[in-house]
Amino acid sequence: MLESAALMRTLFQIACSGKVVKNSLLIAVVVGSVLNLVNQGEAILAGVGVSWAHVAMNYLVPYCVASYSAAKNEATSRRNQ
């Protein structure tokens, strides 16, 4: 249990590092924009209301996935050295 808590702390620290945040934000902007166009493109083009909760989730989910993936990769790399 203590080892998993240490791993989570390490993953969080890596995920909050400047390099990971910058790259994850870039990925979230690109992927989130594509998802919003796919999921709500008609509403956006028609100028009618969109679901702002879905807009936020379309950016948040790719950010979280990219951050976790980068942090997990870096933690694995550090452990193997």
Protein backbone atom coordinates (compact mmCIF):
# COMPACT_ATOMS: atom_id res chain seq x y z
CA MET A 1 0.00 0.00 0.00
CA LEU A 2 2.83 2.38 0.86
CA GLU A 3 4.49 1.67 -2.48
CA SER A 4 1.32 2.56 -4.42
CA ALA A 5 0.99 5.83 -2.47
CA ALA A 6 4.59 6.69 -3.34
CA LEU A 7 3.94 5.85 -6.99
CA MET A 8 0.85 8.08 -7.05
CA ARG A 9 2.80 10.93 -5.45
CA THR A 10 5.58 10.51 -8.04
CA LEU A 11 3.09 10.41 -10.92
CA PHE A 12 1.39 13.57 -9.62
CA GLN A 13 4.71 15.41 -9.27
CA ILE A 14 5.76 14.46 -12.79
CA ALA A 15 2.32 15.33 -14.23
CA CYS A 16 2.59 18.81 -12.68
CA SER A 17 6.04 19.48 -14.12
CA GLY A 18 6.30 22.27 -16.66
CA LYS A 19 7.26 20.09 -19.62
CA VAL A 20 4.38 17.66 -19.10
CA VAL A 21 1.85 20.45 -18.51
CA LYS A 22 2.94 22.30 -21.67
CA ASN A 23 2.78 19.19 -23.87
CA SER A 24 -0.52 18.04 -22.37
CA LEU A 25 -2.10 21.46 -22.92
CA LEU A 26 -1.04 21.41 -26.57
CA ILE A 27 -2.48 17.92 -27.05
CA ALA A 28 -5.71 18.91 -25.25
CA VAL A 29 -6.20 21.97 -27.46
CA VAL A 30 -5.74 19.98 -30.67
CA VAL A 31 -7.70 16.87 -29.66
CA GLY A 32 -10.38 18.83 -27.76
CA SER A 33 -10.99 21.11 -30.73
CA VAL A 34 -11.39 18.14 -33.07
CA LEU A 35 -13.74 16.43 -30.61
CA ASN A 36 -15.83 19.58 -30.25
CA LEU A 37 -16.12 19.94 -34.02
CA VAL A 38 -17.10 16.30 -34.40
CA ASN A 39 -19.53 16.23 -31.47
CA GLN A 40 -21.04 19.71 -31.70
CA GLY A 41 -20.06 20.95 -35.13
CA GLU A 42 -23.61 21.40 -36.37
CA ALA A 43 -24.61 23.43 -33.32
CA ILE A 44 -21.46 25.57 -33.57
CA LEU A 45 -21.94 26.26 -37.29
CA ALA A 46 -25.67 26.96 -36.83
CA GLY A 47 -24.91 29.40 -34.03
CA VAL A 48 -27.20 27.67 -31.57
CA GLY A 49 -26.36 26.79 -27.98
CA VAL A 50 -23.78 24.16 -27.22
CA SER A 51 -23.35 22.04 -24.15
CA TRP A 52 -20.60 23.82 -22.23
CA ALA A 53 -20.15 20.83 -19.96
CA HIS A 54 -19.34 18.71 -23.03
CA VAL A 55 -17.03 21.40 -24.38
CA ALA A 56 -15.09 21.36 -21.11
CA MET A 57 -14.94 17.56 -21.01
CA ASN A 58 -13.69 17.43 -24.61
CA TYR A 59 -10.63 19.39 -23.46
CA LEU A 60 -10.25 17.95 -19.95
CA VAL A 61 -10.20 14.26 -20.90
CA PRO A 62 -7.38 14.53 -23.48
CA TYR A 63 -5.40 16.66 -21.01
CA CYS A 64 -5.75 14.04 -18.28
CA VAL A 65 -4.90 11.16 -20.61
CA ALA A 66 -1.83 12.93 -22.01
CA SER A 67 -0.63 13.94 -18.53
CA TYR A 68 -1.07 10.47 -17.08
CA SER A 69 0.59 8.80 -20.07
CA ALA A 70 3.59 11.12 -19.93
CA ALA A 71 3.93 10.77 -16.16
CA LYS A 72 3.65 6.98 -16.28
CA ASN A 73 6.23 6.80 -19.07
CA GLU A 74 8.66 9.05 -17.18
CA ALA A 75 8.17 7.14 -13.90
CA THR A 76 8.83 3.83 -15.67
CA SER A 77 11.92 5.28 -17.33
CA ARG A 78 13.26 6.53 -13.98
CA ARG A 79 12.61 3.18 -12.31
CA ASN A 80 14.48 1.28 -15.05
CA GLN A 81 17.63 3.39 -14.72
